[in-house]
């Protein structure tokens, strides 16, 4: 059973979602190169040459993605300089970037389960102190796990106005 729609959204034939947050997110970070750069940033990569080497993506594409992700506030640039070299920049995740953690690791979790065979993928996300596997999933604000069938989409802000049209 899919998500349910409630309130003014119950009749899906009466509304259209032109400003979808999922669509806008995909336009912003939905490329393979952006996701691999984000993966590497969560793994601790901060320098341009390391992003290129670890993602196996060309310099021009990495430069373009890092610029885009910096422009939207996912990364901040911090200068550094090695002795005898010119000033360069490290790319550090901002709070906005760190908030992408569940999305990036949910993709890894999905890939491990559905694309890697019975044993799963080469990497697992675990709690550092205990080694217990970490599971990314739907949870209420109070911390209770919920299934897809228990979720509803409701209108928010101006969308909640029944006169909207």
Protein backbone atom coordinates (compact mmCIF):
# COMPACT_ATOMS: atom_id res chain seq x y z
CA UNK A 1 0.00 0.00 0.00
CA UNK A 2 1.42 3.44 -0.88
CA UNK A 3 1.47 6.57 1.22
CA UNK A 4 -1.93 8.13 1.73
CA UNK A 5 -2.84 11.74 1.03
CA UNK A 6 -5.04 13.57 3.52
CA UNK A 7 -7.00 16.80 3.79
CA UNK A 8 -6.90 19.10 0.76
CA UNK A 9 -4.56 16.62 -0.93
CA UNK A 10 -6.93 13.63 -0.70
CA UNK A 11 -8.25 14.14 -4.24
CA UNK A 12 -5.06 14.06 -6.32
CA UNK A 13 -6.95 15.17 -9.45
CA UNK A 14 -7.49 18.63 -7.95
CA UNK A 15 -3.87 19.64 -7.44
CA UNK A 16 -0.50 19.63 -9.14
CA UNK A 17 2.84 19.86 -7.42
CA UNK A 18 4.98 22.18 -9.52
CA UNK A 19 7.39 23.05 -6.72
CA UNK A 20 8.15 19.51 -5.51
CA UNK A 21 10.92 19.29 -2.93
CA UNK A 22 12.03 15.90 -4.28
CA UNK A 23 12.28 17.34 -7.81
CA UNK A 24 14.15 20.41 -6.60
CA UNK A 25 16.54 18.24 -4.58
CA UNK A 26 17.27 16.07 -7.60
CA UNK A 27 17.91 19.14 -9.74
CA UNK A 28 20.38 20.31 -7.11
CA UNK A 29 22.22 17.13 -6.08
CA UNK A 30 20.79 14.39 -8.27
CA UNK A 31 23.74 13.67 -10.53
CA UNK A 32 25.94 10.63 -10.07
CA UNK A 33 28.98 12.89 -9.77
CA UNK A 34 27.39 14.99 -7.01
CA UNK A 35 26.42 11.88 -5.05
CA UNK A 36 29.93 10.39 -5.33
CA UNK A 37 31.46 13.68 -4.20
CA UNK A 38 29.06 13.73 -1.24
CA UNK A 39 29.95 10.11 -0.45
CA UNK A 40 33.62 11.05 -0.39
CA UNK A 41 32.97 14.11 1.76
CA UNK A 42 31.24 11.89 4.34
CA UNK A 43 34.23 9.56 4.17
CA UNK A 44 36.51 12.52 5.01
CA UNK A 45 37.73 13.71 1.62
CA UNK A 46 38.20 17.49 1.51
CA UNK A 47 40.69 18.27 -1.26
CA UNK A 48 40.00 18.63 -4.97
CA UNK A 49 42.68 16.20 -6.17
CA UNK A 50 41.44 13.58 -3.71
CA UNK A 51 37.84 13.98 -4.92
CA UNK A 52 39.04 13.43 -8.50
CA UNK A 53 41.16 10.41 -7.57
CA UNK A 54 38.63 8.74 -5.27
CA UNK A 55 35.56 9.26 -7.49
CA UNK A 56 37.39 8.54 -10.77
CA UNK A 57 35.56 11.52 -12.30
CA UNK A 58 37.37 14.03 -14.49
CA UNK A 59 38.75 17.32 -13.18
CA UNK A 60 36.25 19.48 -15.07
CA UNK A 61 33.20 17.63 -13.76
CA UNK A 62 34.48 17.54 -10.18
CA UNK A 63 35.26 21.27 -10.37
CA UNK A 64 31.79 22.03 -11.72
CA UNK A 65 30.03 19.89 -9.09
CA UNK A 66 32.10 21.31 -6.22
CA UNK A 67 31.29 24.83 -7.45
CA UNK A 68 27.58 24.01 -7.67
CA UNK A 69 27.51 22.35 -4.26
CA UNK A 70 29.46 25.23 -2.74
CA UNK A 71 27.19 27.83 -4.38
CA UNK A 72 24.10 26.23 -2.81
CA UNK A 73 25.76 25.96 0.60
CA UNK A 74 26.43 22.21 0.84
CA UNK A 75 30.18 22.90 1.08
CA UNK A 76 32.20 25.80 2.31
CA UNK A 77 35.68 26.49 0.94
CA UNK A 78 38.58 26.92 3.34
CA UNK A 79 42.00 27.99 2.10
CA UNK A 80 45.10 25.97 2.88
CA UNK A 81 48.68 26.21 1.69
CA UNK A 82 51.36 23.58 1.66
CA UNK A 83 54.95 24.90 2.00
CA UNK A 84 56.26 26.16 -1.34
CA UNK A 85 52.91 25.77 -3.06
CA UNK A 86 50.11 28.14 -4.02
CA UNK A 87 47.02 28.58 -1.86
CA UNK A 88 44.34 25.99 -2.56
CA UNK A 89 40.97 25.19 -1.03
CA UNK A 90 39.49 22.39 1.00
CA UNK A 91 35.78 21.64 0.71
CA UNK A 92 34.09 21.11 4.05
CA UNK A 93 30.51 20.00 4.55
CA UNK A 94 28.26 22.63 6.06
CA UNK A 95 25.24 21.86 8.23
CA UNK A 96 23.20 21.84 5.01
CA UNK A 97 25.62 19.28 3.58
CA UNK A 98 25.67 17.16 6.73
CA UNK A 99 21.87 17.06 6.59
CA UNK A 100 22.24 14.99 3.40
CA UNK A 101 23.72 12.13 5.43
CA UNK A 102 20.49 10.09 5.67
CA UNK A 103 19.80 10.46 1.93
CA UNK A 104 23.31 9.39 0.88
CA UNK A 105 23.47 6.44 3.26
CA UNK A 106 19.90 5.35 2.51
CA UNK A 107 21.08 4.91 -1.08
CA UNK A 108 24.01 2.80 0.14
CA UNK A 109 21.66 0.73 2.31
CA UNK A 110 19.26 0.22 -0.63
CA UNK A 111 22.13 -0.71 -2.96
CA UNK A 112 23.54 -3.17 -0.42
CA UNK A 113 20.16 -4.88 -0.12
CA UNK A 114 18.96 -4.84 -3.72
CA UNK A 115 21.99 -4.56 -5.99
CA UNK A 116 24.83 -6.42 -4.30
CA UNK A 117 23.55 -9.97 -3.90
CA UNK A 118 22.86 -11.91 -0.72
CA UNK A 119 25.93 -10.73 1.19
CA UNK A 120 25.30 -7.05 0.48
CA UNK A 121 27.85 -4.46 -0.53
CA UNK A 122 31.47 -4.01 0.44
CA UNK A 123 30.75 -1.43 3.15
CA UNK A 124 28.41 -1.29 6.13
CA UNK A 125 27.42 1.63 8.34
CA UNK A 126 27.75 0.73 12.03
CA UNK A 127 27.81 2.55 15.34
CA UNK A 128 31.45 3.26 16.16
CA UNK A 129 31.46 2.07 19.78
CA UNK A 130 29.33 -1.06 19.45
CA UNK A 131 29.61 -2.20 15.83
CA UNK A 132 25.81 -2.41 15.71
CA UNK A 133 24.47 -1.89 12.18
CA UNK A 134 22.85 1.49 11.58
CA UNK A 135 19.59 1.47 9.63
CA UNK A 136 18.32 4.53 7.80
CA UNK A 137 14.52 4.65 7.78
CA UNK A 138 11.32 6.52 8.48
CA UNK A 139 10.94 7.66 12.06
CA UNK A 140 8.54 10.01 13.84
CA UNK A 141 9.85 13.14 15.52
CA UNK A 142 9.59 11.27 18.84
CA UNK A 143 11.83 8.49 17.48
CA UNK A 144 9.31 5.73 16.73
CA UNK A 145 9.95 3.68 13.56
CA UNK A 146 7.08 3.72 11.05
CA UNK A 147 6.27 1.64 7.98
CA UNK A 148 5.32 3.05 4.57
CA UNK A 149 1.70 2.02 5.15
CA UNK A 150 1.57 4.14 8.31
CA UNK A 151 2.59 7.37 6.55
CA UNK A 152 0.42 10.13 5.13
CA UNK A 153 1.24 13.22 3.10
CA UNK A 154 -0.49 16.37 4.34
CA UNK A 155 -0.45 19.90 3.01
CA UNK A 156 1.87 22.42 4.66
CA UNK A 157 1.88 26.21 4.70
CA UNK A 158 -0.16 27.83 1.92
CA UNK A 159 -0.93 24.38 0.54
CA UNK A 160 -3.07 23.65 3.62
CA UNK A 161 -5.54 26.39 2.60
CA UNK A 162 -8.60 24.69 1.06
CA UNK A 163 -9.18 27.83 -1.06
CA UNK A 164 -5.83 27.39 -2.78
CA UNK A 165 -6.42 26.70 -6.37
